[in-house]
Amino acid sequence: SWAGNGNVRFSLIESPAKANIIVSLTDATTLGQICGKELVCKKESKIVISAAAWQSAPGHFANLGDYRAWLVNYGFGLAQSQKPKTCPGKGKTAPVMQRQWSDLAGCRANAWVYG
């Protein structure tokens, strides 16, 4: 999704040693040590995602696939030094960098950077 504007490219690398970014699903204990209370964070060259969050979406997402897309897009946003954002107004689409695992503050869930 971040590649949608043509300014960024990502590709799958077979060897983790050659990767610039590694995405991992992590158990609650390890996640807490790395991310604190966040469900997704970036630590050095790793995007760390809660394995528990990966298993079920909050009710405001239409389906699990959209929620998983949001988890990954949020993580890749952090990897690009994007800062978390807030809801721009009741009924509006949430920016992908809004923490969407809980209260959306009146916004609609959104997994995608470019709509």
PDB file of N, CA and C in Angstrom:
ATOM      1  N   SER A   1       0.805  -1.191   0.000  1.00  0.00           N
ATOM      2  CA  SER A   1       0.000   0.000   0.000  1.00  0.00           C
ATOM      3  C   SER A   1       0.854   1.264   0.000  1.00  0.00           C
ATOM      4  N   TRP A   2       1.968   1.275   0.740  1.00  0.00           N
ATOM      5  CA  TRP A   2       2.839   2.456   0.752  1.00  0.00           C
ATOM      6  C   TRP A   2       3.488   2.674  -0.608  1.00  0.00           C
ATOM      7  N   ALA A   3       3.587   1.637  -1.411  1.00  0.00           N
ATOM      8  CA  ALA A   3       4.188   1.764  -2.740  1.00  0.00           C
ATOM      9  C   ALA A   3       3.227   2.407  -3.735  1.00  0.00           C
ATOM     10  N   GLY A   4       2.001   2.664  -3.337  1.00  0.00           N
ATOM     11  CA  GLY A   4       0.974   3.179  -4.227  1.00  0.00           C
ATOM     12  C   GLY A   4       1.264   4.526  -4.853  1.00  0.00           C
ATOM     13  N   ASN A   5       2.132   5.311  -4.250  1.00  0.00           N
ATOM     14  CA  ASN A   5       2.439   6.620  -4.844  1.00  0.00           C
ATOM     15  C   ASN A   5       3.655   6.569  -5.761  1.00  0.00           C
ATOM     16  N   GLY A   6       4.284   5.407  -5.854  1.00  0.00           N
ATOM     17  CA  GLY A   6       5.434   5.246  -6.735  1.00  0.00           C
ATOM     18  C   GLY A   6       6.759   5.703  -6.163  1.00  0.00           C
ATOM     19  N   ASN A   7       6.772   6.223  -4.937  1.00  0.00           N
ATOM     20  CA  ASN A   7       8.014   6.712  -4.332  1.00  0.00           C
ATOM     21  C   ASN A   7       8.751   5.661  -3.513  1.00  0.00           C
ATOM     22  N   VAL A   8       8.104   4.544  -3.200  1.00  0.00           N
ATOM     23  CA  VAL A   8       8.690   3.517  -2.353  1.00  0.00           C
ATOM     24  C   VAL A   8       8.486   2.159  -3.020  1.00  0.00           C
ATOM     25  N   ARG A   9       9.455   1.284  -2.861  1.00  0.00           N
ATOM     26  CA  ARG A   9       9.315  -0.083  -3.377  1.00  0.00           C
ATOM     27  C   ARG A   9       9.717  -1.064  -2.288  1.00  0.00           C
ATOM     28  N   PHE A  10       9.006  -2.161  -2.246  1.00  0.00           N
ATOM     29  CA  PHE A  10       9.341  -3.241  -1.332  1.00  0.00           C
ATOM     30  C   PHE A  10       9.398  -4.528  -2.138  1.00  0.00           C
ATOM     31  N   SER A  11      10.268  -5.429  -1.755  1.00  0.00           N
ATOM     32  CA  SER A  11      10.307  -6.733  -2.405  1.00  0.00           C
ATOM     33  C   SER A  11      10.712  -7.783  -1.379  1.00  0.00           C
ATOM     34  N   LEU A  12      10.255  -8.991  -1.612  1.00  0.00           N
ATOM     35  CA  LEU A  12      10.555 -10.105  -0.725  1.00  0.00           C
ATOM     36  C   LEU A  12      11.988 -10.574  -0.977  1.00  0.00           C
ATOM     37  N   ILE A  13      12.743 -10.721   0.084  1.00  0.00           N
ATOM     38  CA  ILE A  13      14.131 -11.181   0.009  1.00  0.00           C
ATOM     39  C   ILE A  13      14.198 -12.538   0.696  1.00  0.00           C
ATOM     40  N   GLU A  14      14.823 -13.516   0.041  1.00  0.00           N
ATOM     41  CA  GLU A  14      14.889 -14.862   0.620  1.00  0.00           C
ATOM     42  C   GLU A  14      15.783 -14.942   1.855  1.00  0.00           C
ATOM     43  N   SER A  15      16.851 -14.191   1.875  1.00  0.00           N
ATOM     44  CA  SER A  15      17.798 -14.257   2.987  1.00  0.00           C
ATOM     45  C   SER A  15      17.554 -13.113   3.969  1.00  0.00           C
ATOM     46  N   PRO A  16      17.164 -13.420   5.201  1.00  0.00           N
ATOM     47  CA  PRO A  16      16.961 -12.357   6.192  1.00  0.00           C
ATOM     48  C   PRO A  16      18.204 -11.481   6.386  1.00  0.00           C
ATOM     49  N   ALA A  17      19.379 -12.039   6.187  1.00  0.00           N
ATOM     50  CA  ALA A  17      20.614 -11.271   6.365  1.00  0.00           C
ATOM     51  C   ALA A  17      20.727 -10.136   5.352  1.00  0.00           C
ATOM     52  N   LYS A  18      20.047 -10.262   4.220  1.00  0.00           N
ATOM     53  CA  LYS A  18      20.111  -9.238   3.181  1.00  0.00           C
ATOM     54  C   LYS A  18      18.940  -8.254   3.241  1.00  0.00           C
ATOM     55  N   ALA A  19      17.988  -8.508   4.119  1.00  0.00           N
ATOM     56  CA  ALA A  19      16.777  -7.677   4.196  1.00  0.00           C
ATOM     57  C   ALA A  19      17.038  -6.383   4.957  1.00  0.00           C
ATOM     58  N   ASN A  20      16.401  -5.296   4.506  1.00  0.00           N
ATOM     59  CA  ASN A  20      16.457  -4.023   5.219  1.00  0.00           C
ATOM     60  C   ASN A  20      15.434  -3.976   6.344  1.00  0.00           C
ATOM     61  N   ILE A  21      14.311  -4.687   6.149  1.00  0.00           N
ATOM     62  CA  ILE A  21      13.235  -4.733   7.133  1.00  0.00           C
ATOM     63  C   ILE A  21      12.784  -6.175   7.276  1.00  0.00           C
ATOM     64  N   ILE A  22      12.589  -6.610   8.499  1.00  0.00           N
ATOM     65  CA  ILE A  22      12.070  -7.947   8.778  1.00  0.00           C
ATOM     66  C   ILE A  22      10.771  -7.780   9.549  1.00  0.00           C
ATOM     67  N   VAL A  23       9.724  -8.474   9.101  1.00  0.00           N
ATOM     68  CA  VAL A  23       8.427  -8.426   9.777  1.00  0.00           C
ATOM     69  C   VAL A  23       8.276  -9.710  10.575  1.00  0.00           C
ATOM     70  N   SER A  24       7.883  -9.587  11.845  1.00  0.00           N
ATOM     71  CA  SER A  24       7.689 -10.785  12.654  1.00  0.00           C
ATOM     72  C   SER A  24       6.404 -10.703  13.467  1.00  0.00           C
ATOM     73  N   LEU A  25       5.748 -11.861  13.581  1.00  0.00           N
ATOM     74  CA  LEU A  25       4.615 -12.021  14.498  1.00  0.00           C
ATOM     75  C   LEU A  25       5.206 -12.535  15.797  1.00  0.00           C
ATOM     76  N   THR A  26       4.819 -11.907  16.904  1.00  0.00           N
ATOM     77  CA  THR A  26       5.506 -12.155  18.155  1.00  0.00           C
ATOM     78  C   THR A  26       4.526 -12.439  19.286  1.00  0.00           C
ATOM     79  N   ASP A  27       4.915 -13.345  20.177  1.00  0.00           N
ATOM     80  CA  ASP A  27       4.078 -13.680  21.326  1.00  0.00           C
ATOM     81  C   ASP A  27       3.991 -12.497  22.287  1.00  0.00           C
ATOM     82  N   ALA A  28       3.019 -12.558  23.173  1.00  0.00           N
ATOM     83  CA  ALA A  28       2.719 -11.433  24.066  1.00  0.00           C
ATOM     84  C   ALA A  28       3.893 -11.022  24.953  1.00  0.00           C
ATOM     85  N   THR A  29       4.631 -11.986  25.481  1.00  0.00           N
ATOM     86  CA  THR A  29       5.747 -11.660  26.369  1.00  0.00           C
ATOM     87  C   THR A  29       6.836 -10.897  25.624  1.00  0.00           C
ATOM     88  N   THR A  30       7.235 -11.420  24.477  1.00  0.00           N
ATOM     89  CA  THR A  30       8.278 -10.757  23.685  1.00  0.00           C
ATOM     90  C   THR A  30       7.787  -9.409  23.173  1.00  0.00           C
ATOM     91  N   LEU A  31       6.543  -9.362  22.734  1.00  0.00           N
ATOM     92  CA  LEU A  31       5.967  -8.103  22.253  1.00  0.00           C
ATOM     93  C   LEU A  31       6.032  -7.037  23.339  1.00  0.00           C
ATOM     94  N   GLY A  32       5.640  -7.398  24.557  1.00  0.00           N
ATOM     95  CA  GLY A  32       5.678  -6.455  25.669  1.00  0.00           C
ATOM     96  C   GLY A  32       7.075  -5.934  25.944  1.00  0.00           C
ATOM     97  N   GLN A  33       8.073  -6.793  25.821  1.00  0.00           N
ATOM     98  CA  GLN A  33       9.463  -6.384  26.049  1.00  0.00           C
ATOM     99  C   GLN A  33       9.942  -5.423  24.962  1.00  0.00           C
ATOM    100  N   ILE A  34       9.459  -5.620  23.736  1.00  0.00           N
ATOM    101  CA  ILE A  34       9.926  -4.805  22.616  1.00  0.00           C
ATOM    102  C   ILE A  34       9.053  -3.564  22.420  1.00  0.00           C
ATOM    103  N   CYS A  35       7.728  -3.753  22.472  1.00  0.00           N
ATOM    104  CA  CYS A  35       6.789  -2.693  22.088  1.00  0.00           C
ATOM    105  C   CYS A  35       6.043  -2.059  23.251  1.00  0.00           C
ATOM    106  N   GLY A  36       6.197  -2.562  24.441  1.00  0.00           N
ATOM    107  CA  GLY A  36       5.388  -2.053  25.548  1.00  0.00           C
ATOM    108  C   GLY A  36       3.936  -2.433  25.331  1.00  0.00           C
ATOM    109  N   LYS A  37       3.036  -1.457  25.347  1.00  0.00           N
ATOM    110  CA  LYS A  37       1.605  -1.740  25.205  1.00  0.00           C
ATOM    111  C   LYS A  37       1.117  -1.671  23.760  1.00  0.00           C
ATOM    112  N   GLU A  38       1.990  -1.347  22.815  1.00  0.00           N
ATOM    113  CA  GLU A  38       1.612  -1.262  21.407  1.00  0.00           C
ATOM    114  C   GLU A  38       1.427  -2.662  20.825  1.00  0.00           C
ATOM    115  N   LEU A  39       0.544  -2.798  19.861  1.00  0.00           N
ATOM    116  CA  LEU A  39       0.355  -4.082  19.175  1.00  0.00           C
ATOM    117  C   LEU A  39       1.236  -4.200  17.944  1.00  0.00           C
ATOM    118  N   VAL A  40       1.772  -3.083  17.497  1.00  0.00           N
ATOM    119  CA  VAL A  40       2.703  -3.036  16.367  1.00  0.00           C
ATOM    120  C   VAL A  40       3.753  -1.981  16.707  1.00  0.00           C
ATOM    121  N   CYS A  41       5.019  -2.312  16.450  1.00  0.00           N
ATOM    122  CA  CYS A  41       6.065  -1.315  16.635  1.00  0.00           C
ATOM    123  C   CYS A  41       7.228  -1.626  15.711  1.00  0.00           C
ATOM    124  N   LYS A  42       8.146  -0.689  15.647  1.00  0.00           N
ATOM    125  CA  LYS A  42       9.380  -0.885  14.891  1.00  0.00           C
ATOM    126  C   LYS A  42      10.537  -0.772  15.856  1.00  0.00           C
ATOM    127  N   LYS A  43      11.396  -1.739  15.830  1.00  0.00           N
ATOM    128  CA  LYS A  43      12.600  -1.745  16.671  1.00  0.00           C
ATOM    129  C   LYS A  43      13.767  -2.084  15.757  1.00  0.00           C
ATOM    130  N   GLU A  44      14.650  -1.125  15.592  1.00  0.00           N
ATOM    131  CA  GLU A  44      15.782  -1.259  14.680  1.00  0.00           C
ATOM    132  C   GLU A  44      15.244  -1.602  13.290  1.00  0.00           C
ATOM    133  N   SER A  45      15.641  -2.729  12.707  1.00  0.00           N
ATOM    134  CA  SER A  45      15.181  -3.063  11.352  1.00  0.00           C
ATOM    135  C   SER A  45      13.989  -4.026  11.356  1.00  0.00           C
ATOM    136  N   LYS A  46      13.333  -4.185  12.503  1.00  0.00           N
ATOM    137  CA  LYS A  46      12.221  -5.130  12.607  1.00  0.00           C
ATOM    138  C   LYS A  46      10.888  -4.431  12.825  1.00  0.00           C
ATOM    139  N   ILE A  47       9.884  -4.903  12.116  1.00  0.00           N
ATOM    140  CA  ILE A  47       8.497  -4.532  12.392  1.00  0.00           C
ATOM    141  C   ILE A  47       7.943  -5.701  13.198  1.00  0.00           C
ATOM    142  N   VAL A  48       7.485  -5.416  14.388  1.00  0.00           N
ATOM    143  CA  VAL A  48       7.001  -6.449  15.302  1.00  0.00           C
ATOM    144  C   VAL A  48       5.491  -6.304  15.434  1.00  0.00           C
ATOM    145  N   ILE A  49       4.780  -7.402  15.174  1.00  0.00           N
ATOM    146  CA  ILE A  49       3.314  -7.412  15.216  1.00  0.00           C
ATOM    147  C   ILE A  49       2.864  -8.463  16.218  1.00  0.00           C
ATOM    148  N   SER A  50       1.877  -8.136  17.011  1.00  0.00           N
ATOM    149  CA  SER A  50       1.304  -9.072  17.977  1.00  0.00           C
ATOM    150  C   SER A  50       0.677 -10.268  17.265  1.00  0.00           C
ATOM    151  N   ALA A  51       1.132 -11.467  17.608  1.00  0.00           N
ATOM    152  CA  ALA A  51       0.547 -12.682  17.034  1.00  0.00           C
ATOM    153  C   ALA A  51      -0.912 -12.827  17.461  1.00  0.00           C
ATOM    154  N   ALA A  52      -1.232 -12.393  18.675  1.00  0.00           N
ATOM    155  CA  ALA A  52      -2.623 -12.457  19.142  1.00  0.00           C
ATOM    156  C   ALA A  52      -3.503 -11.508  18.332  1.00  0.00           C
ATOM    157  N   ALA A  53      -3.014 -10.300  18.050  1.00  0.00           N
ATOM    158  CA  ALA A  53      -3.787  -9.350  17.243  1.00  0.00           C
ATOM    159  C   ALA A  53      -4.002  -9.892  15.834  1.00  0.00           C
ATOM    160  N   TRP A  54      -3.049 -10.636  15.318  1.00  0.00           N
ATOM    161  CA  TRP A  54      -3.123 -11.207  13.967  1.00  0.00           C
ATOM    162  C   TRP A  54      -4.273 -12.210  13.858  1.00  0.00           C
ATOM    163  N   GLN A  55      -4.689 -12.791  14.983  1.00  0.00           N
ATOM    164  CA  GLN A  55      -5.689 -13.859  14.980  1.00  0.00           C
ATOM    165  C   GLN A  55      -7.135 -13.392  14.872  1.00  0.00           C
ATOM    166  N   SER A  56      -7.434 -12.187  15.337  1.00  0.00           N
ATOM    167  CA  SER A  56      -8.827 -11.732  15.272  1.00  0.00           C
ATOM    168  C   SER A  56      -8.899 -10.214  15.187  1.00  0.00           C
ATOM    169  N   ALA A  57      -9.815  -9.759  14.362  1.00  0.00           N
ATOM    170  CA  ALA A  57      -9.975  -8.324  14.127  1.00  0.00           C
ATOM    171  C   ALA A  57     -10.991  -7.725  15.087  1.00  0.00           C
ATOM    172  N   PRO A  58     -10.788  -6.459  15.470  1.00  0.00           N
ATOM    173  CA  PRO A  58     -11.826  -5.773  16.240  1.00  0.00           C
ATOM    174  C   PRO A  58     -13.069  -5.593  15.363  1.00  0.00           C
ATOM    175  N   GLY A  59     -14.218  -5.450  15.983  1.00  0.00           N
ATOM    176  CA  GLY A  59     -15.484  -5.380  15.267  1.00  0.00           C
ATOM    177  C   GLY A  59     -15.614  -4.264  14.255  1.00  0.00           C
ATOM    178  N   HIS A  60     -14.831  -3.196  14.381  1.00  0.00           N
ATOM    179  CA  HIS A  60     -14.976  -2.088  13.445  1.00  0.00           C
ATOM    180  C   HIS A  60     -14.306  -2.360  12.097  1.00  0.00           C
ATOM    181  N   PHE A  61     -13.548  -3.445  11.962  1.00  0.00           N
ATOM    182  CA  PHE A  61     -13.016  -3.845  10.654  1.00  0.00           C
ATOM    183  C   PHE A  61     -13.980  -4.811  10.003  1.00  0.00           C
ATOM    184  N   ALA A  62     -14.145  -4.696   8.686  1.00  0.00           N
ATOM    185  CA  ALA A  62     -15.091  -5.532   7.947  1.00  0.00           C
ATOM    186  C   ALA A  62     -14.693  -7.004   7.991  1.00  0.00           C
ATOM    187  N   ASN A  63     -13.394  -7.281   8.023  1.00  0.00           N
ATOM    188  CA  ASN A  63     -12.945  -8.676   8.024  1.00  0.00           C
ATOM    189  C   ASN A  63     -11.496  -8.757   8.519  1.00  0.00           C
ATOM    190  N   LEU A  64     -11.055  -9.973   8.776  1.00  0.00           N
ATOM    191  CA  LEU A  64      -9.712 -10.209   9.300  1.00  0.00           C
ATOM    192  C   LEU A  64      -8.639  -9.790   8.292  1.00  0.00           C
ATOM    193  N   GLY A  65      -8.890 -10.012   7.004  1.00  0.00           N
ATOM    194  CA  GLY A  65      -7.917  -9.628   5.983  1.00  0.00           C
ATOM    195  C   GLY A  65      -7.625  -8.143   5.979  1.00  0.00           C
ATOM    196  N   ASP A  66      -8.664  -7.320   6.122  1.00  0.00           N
ATOM    197  CA  ASP A  66      -8.467  -5.871   6.172  1.00  0.00           C
ATOM    198  C   ASP A  66      -7.679  -5.475   7.421  1.00  0.00           C
ATOM    199  N   TYR A  67      -7.986  -6.103   8.541  1.00  0.00           N
ATOM    200  CA  TYR A  67      -7.264  -5.787   9.780  1.00  0.00           C
ATOM    201  C   TYR A  67      -5.796  -6.168   9.659  1.00  0.00           C
ATOM    202  N   ARG A  68      -5.530  -7.338   9.096  1.00  0.00           N
ATOM    203  CA  ARG A  68      -4.143  -7.742   8.904  1.00  0.00           C
ATOM    204  C   ARG A  68      -3.417  -6.793   7.961  1.00  0.00           C
ATOM    205  N   ALA A  69      -4.094  -6.349   6.907  1.00  0.00           N
ATOM    206  CA  ALA A  69      -3.494  -5.367   5.990  1.00  0.00           C
ATOM    207  C   ALA A  69      -3.162  -4.093   6.751  1.00  0.00           C
ATOM    208  N   TRP A  70      -4.064  -3.660   7.642  1.00  0.00           N
ATOM    209  CA  TRP A  70      -3.791  -2.471   8.428  1.00  0.00           C
ATOM    210  C   TRP A  70      -2.581  -2.678   9.347  1.00  0.00           C
ATOM    211  N   LEU A  71      -2.500  -3.822  10.031  1.00  0.00           N
ATOM    212  CA  LEU A  71      -1.361  -4.084  10.911  1.00  0.00           C
ATOM    213  C   LEU A  71      -0.040  -3.947  10.144  1.00  0.00           C
ATOM    214  N   VAL A  72       0.017  -4.548   8.959  1.00  0.00           N
ATOM    215  CA  VAL A  72       1.241  -4.502   8.145  1.00  0.00           C
ATOM    216  C   VAL A  72       1.496  -3.082   7.640  1.00  0.00           C
ATOM    217  N   ASN A  73       0.460  -2.416   7.134  1.00  0.00           N
ATOM    218  CA  ASN A  73       0.648  -1.052   6.627  1.00  0.00           C
ATOM    219  C   ASN A  73       1.058  -0.084   7.729  1.00  0.00           C
ATOM    220  N   TYR A  74       0.491  -0.240   8.908  1.00  0.00           N
ATOM    221  CA  TYR A  74       0.879   0.599  10.040  1.00  0.00           C
ATOM    222  C   TYR A  74       2.358   0.357  10.365  1.00  0.00           C
ATOM    223  N   GLY A  75       2.757  -0.915  10.412  1.00  0.00           N
ATOM    224  CA  GLY A  75       4.154  -1.253  10.694  1.00  0.00           C
ATOM    225  C   GLY A  75       5.110  -0.684   9.659  1.00  0.00           C
ATOM    226  N   PHE A  76       4.760  -0.791   8.376  1.00  0.00           N
ATOM    227  CA  PHE A  76       5.621  -0.240   7.341  1.00  0.00           C
ATOM    228  C   PHE A  76       5.635   1.286   7.388  1.00  0.00           C
ATOM    229  N   GLY A  77       4.569   1.889   7.853  1.00  0.00           N
ATOM    230  CA  GLY A  77       4.582   3.330   8.068  1.00  0.00           C
ATOM    231  C   GLY A  77       5.593   3.707   9.134  1.00  0.00           C
ATOM    232  N   LEU A  78       5.610   2.948  10.234  1.00  0.00           N
ATOM    233  CA  LEU A  78       6.593   3.196  11.285  1.00  0.00           C
ATOM    234  C   LEU A  78       8.012   3.026  10.741  1.00  0.00           C
ATOM    235  N   ALA A  79       8.212   2.033   9.878  1.00  0.00           N
ATOM    236  CA  ALA A  79       9.531   1.788   9.298  1.00  0.00           C
ATOM    237  C   ALA A  79       9.981   2.954   8.417  1.00  0.00           C
ATOM    238  N   GLN A  80       9.033   3.749   7.940  1.00  0.00           N
ATOM    239  CA  GLN A  80       9.359   4.919   7.122  1.00  0.00           C
ATOM    240  C   GLN A  80       9.321   6.212   7.941  1.00  0.00           C
ATOM    241  N   SER A  81       9.347   6.058   9.258  1.00  0.00           N
ATOM    242  CA  SER A  81       9.341   7.186  10.193  1.00  0.00           C
ATOM    243  C   SER A  81       8.050   7.997  10.165  1.00  0.00           C
ATOM    244  N   GLN A  82       6.953   7.368   9.736  1.00  0.00           N
ATOM    245  CA  GLN A  82       5.646   8.020   9.821  1.00  0.00           C
ATOM    246  C   GLN A  82       5.226   8.037  11.293  1.00  0.00           C
ATOM    247  N   LYS A  83       4.616   9.096  11.714  1.00  0.00           N
ATOM    248  CA  LYS A  83       4.169   9.235  13.103  1.00  0.00           C
ATOM    249  C   LYS A  83       2.696   8.832  13.214  1.00  0.00           C
ATOM    250  N   PRO A  84       2.296   8.281  14.373  1.00  0.00           N
ATOM    251  CA  PRO A  84       0.869   8.000  14.579  1.00  0.00           C
ATOM    252  C   PRO A  84       0.032   9.269  14.428  1.00  0.00           C
ATOM    253  N   LYS A  85      -1.157   9.108  13.893  1.00  0.00           N
ATOM    254  CA  LYS A  85      -2.067  10.227  13.657  1.00  0.00           C
ATOM    255  C   LYS A  85      -3.371   9.992  14.396  1.00  0.00           C
ATOM    256  N   THR A  86      -4.197  11.026  14.459  1.00  0.00           N
ATOM    257  CA  THR A  86      -5.492  10.932  15.110  1.00  0.00           C
ATOM    258  C   THR A  86      -6.605  11.058  14.074  1.00  0.00           C
ATOM    259  N   CYS A  87      -7.798  10.759  14.497  1.00  0.00           N
ATOM    260  CA  CYS A  87      -8.978  10.842  13.640  1.00  0.00           C
ATOM    261  C   CYS A  87      -9.188  12.287  13.190  1.00  0.00           C
ATOM    262  N   PRO A  88      -9.345  12.514  11.873  1.00  0.00           N
ATOM    263  CA  PRO A  88      -9.541  13.875  11.387  1.00  0.00           C
ATOM    264  C   PRO A  88     -10.950  14.425  11.603  1.00  0.00           C
ATOM    265  N   GLY A  89     -11.891  13.585  12.026  1.00  0.00           N
ATOM    266  CA  GLY A  89     -13.249  14.054  12.283  1.00  0.00           C
ATOM    267  C   GLY A  89     -14.250  12.916  12.235  1.00  0.00           C
ATOM    268  N   LYS A  90     -15.293  13.033  13.007  1.00  0.00           N
ATOM    269  CA  LYS A  90     -16.316  12.002  13.097  1.00  0.00           C
ATOM    270  C   LYS A  90     -16.851  11.637  11.708  1.00  0.00           C
ATOM    271  N   GLY A  91     -16.891  10.322  11.442  1.00  0.00           N
ATOM    272  CA  GLY A  91     -17.411   9.818  10.180  1.00  0.00           C
ATOM    273  C   GLY A  91     -16.401   9.782   9.048  1.00  0.00           C
ATOM    274  N   LYS A  92     -15.211  10.354   9.275  1.00  0.00           N
ATOM    275  CA  LYS A  92     -14.182  10.365   8.232  1.00  0.00           C
ATOM    276  C   LYS A  92     -13.394   9.055   8.271  1.00  0.00           C
ATOM    277  N   THR A  93     -12.689   8.790   7.193  1.00  0.00           N
ATOM    278  CA  THR A  93     -11.844   7.604   7.113  1.00  0.00           C
ATOM    279  C   THR A  93     -10.603   7.813   7.972  1.00  0.00           C
ATOM    280  N   ALA A  94     -10.285   6.831   8.784  1.00  0.00           N
ATOM    281  CA  ALA A  94      -9.101   6.919   9.639  1.00  0.00           C
ATOM    282  C   ALA A  94      -7.839   6.904   8.784  1.00  0.00           C
ATOM    283  N   PRO A  95      -6.856   7.738   9.107  1.00  0.00           N
ATOM    284  CA  PRO A  95      -5.572   7.615   8.419  1.00  0.00           C
ATOM    285  C   PRO A  95      -4.927   6.283   8.807  1.00  0.00           C
ATOM    286  N   VAL A  96      -4.203   5.664   7.893  1.00  0.00           N
ATOM    287  CA  VAL A  96      -3.613   4.362   8.188  1.00  0.00           C
ATOM    288  C   VAL A  96      -2.692   4.428   9.408  1.00  0.00           C
ATOM    289  N   MET A  97      -2.138   5.592   9.714  1.00  0.00           N
ATOM    290  CA  MET A  97      -1.256   5.721  10.868  1.00  0.00           C
ATOM    291  C   MET A  97      -2.013   6.035  12.165  1.00  0.00           C
ATOM    292  N   GLN A  98      -3.326   5.961  12.137  1.00  0.00           N
ATOM    293  CA  GLN A  98      -4.100   6.049  13.376  1.00  0.00           C
ATOM    294  C   GLN A  98      -4.093   4.668  14.021  1.00  0.00           C
ATOM    295  N   ARG A  99      -3.877   4.604  15.311  1.00  0.00           N
ATOM    296  CA  ARG A  99      -3.938   3.310  16.017  1.00  0.00           C
ATOM    297  C   ARG A  99      -5.381   2.816  15.951  1.00  0.00           C
ATOM    298  N   GLN A 100      -5.593   1.735  15.215  1.00  0.00           N
ATOM    299  CA  GLN A 100      -6.955   1.282  14.947  1.00  0.00           C
ATOM    300  C   GLN A 100      -7.311  -0.023  15.660  1.00  0.00           C
ATOM    301  N   TRP A 101      -6.537  -0.430  16.633  1.00  0.00           N
ATOM    302  CA  TRP A 101      -6.871  -1.664  17.335  1.00  0.00           C
ATOM    303  C   TRP A 101      -7.881  -1.438  18.446  1.00  0.00           C
ATOM    304  N   SER A 102      -8.211  -0.190  18.720  1.00  0.00           N
ATOM    305  CA  SER A 102      -9.221   0.074  19.750  1.00  0.00           C
ATOM    306  C   SER A 102     -10.144   1.189  19.262  1.00  0.00           C
ATOM    307  N   ASP A 103     -10.498   2.095  20.119  1.00  0.00           N
ATOM    308  CA  ASP A 103     -11.435   3.171  19.801  1.00  0.00           C
ATOM    309  C   ASP A 103     -10.959   4.004  18.613  1.00  0.00           C
ATOM    310  N   LEU A 104     -11.812   4.188  17.628  1.00  0.00           N
ATOM    311  CA  LEU A 104     -11.461   4.953  16.432  1.00  0.00           C
ATOM    312  C   LEU A 104     -11.818   6.434  16.560  1.00  0.00           C
ATOM    313  N   ALA A 105     -12.304   6.861  17.711  1.00  0.00           N
ATOM    314  CA  ALA A 105     -12.623   8.267  17.970  1.00  0.00           C
ATOM    315  C   ALA A 105     -13.571   8.849  16.929  1.00  0.00           C
ATOM    316  N   GLY A 106     -14.492   8.035  16.439  1.00  0.00           N
ATOM    317  CA  GLY A 106     -15.486   8.512  15.475  1.00  0.00           C
ATOM    318  C   GLY A 106     -15.135   8.265  14.023  1.00  0.00           C
ATOM    319  N   CYS A 107     -13.909   7.847  13.742  1.00  0.00           N
ATOM    320  CA  CYS A 107     -13.510   7.568  12.359  1.00  0.00           C
ATOM    321  C   CYS A 107     -13.961   6.163  11.924  1.00  0.00           C
ATOM    322  N   ARG A 108     -13.910   5.941  10.623  1.00  0.00           N
ATOM    323  CA  ARG A 108     -14.173   4.613  10.049  1.00  0.00           C
ATOM    324  C   ARG A 108     -12.842   3.895   9.853  1.00  0.00           C
ATOM    325  N   ALA A 109     -12.827   2.593  10.124  1.00  0.00           N
ATOM    326  CA  ALA A 109     -11.606   1.796   9.971  1.00  0.00           C
ATOM    327  C   ALA A 109     -11.098   1.873   8.530  1.00  0.00           C
ATOM    328  N   ASN A 110      -9.774   1.848   8.398  1.00  0.00           N
ATOM    329  CA  ASN A 110      -9.154   1.959   7.085  1.00  0.00           C
ATOM    330  C   ASN A 110      -7.798   1.261   7.106  1.00  0.00           C
ATOM    331  N   ALA A 111      -7.615   0.288   6.223  1.00  0.00           N
ATOM    332  CA  ALA A 111      -6.360  -0.470   6.167  1.00  0.00           C
ATOM    333  C   ALA A 111      -5.360   0.103   5.178  1.00  0.00           C
ATOM    334  N   TRP A 112      -5.770   1.013   4.325  1.00  0.00           N
ATOM    335  CA  TRP A 112      -4.960   1.375   3.166  1.00  0.00           C
ATOM    336  C   TRP A 112      -4.451   2.811   3.208  1.00  0.00           C
ATOM    337  N   VAL A 113      -3.217   2.981   2.763  1.00  0.00           N
ATOM    338  CA  VAL A 113      -2.590   4.295   2.734  1.00  0.00           C
ATOM    339  C   VAL A 113      -3.233   5.158   1.657  1.00  0.00           C
ATOM    340  N   TYR A 114      -3.397   4.581   0.478  1.00  0.00           N
ATOM    341  CA  TYR A 114      -3.990   5.304  -0.659  1.00  0.00           C
ATOM    342  C   TYR A 114      -5.280   4.609  -1.048  1.00  0.00           C
ATOM    343  N   GLY A 115      -6.369   5.335  -1.042  1.00  0.00           N
ATOM    344  CA  GLY A 115      -7.662   4.728  -1.267  1.00  0.00           C
ATOM    345  C   GLY A 115      -8.137   4.838  -2.658  1.00  0.00           C
TER     346      GLY A 115
END
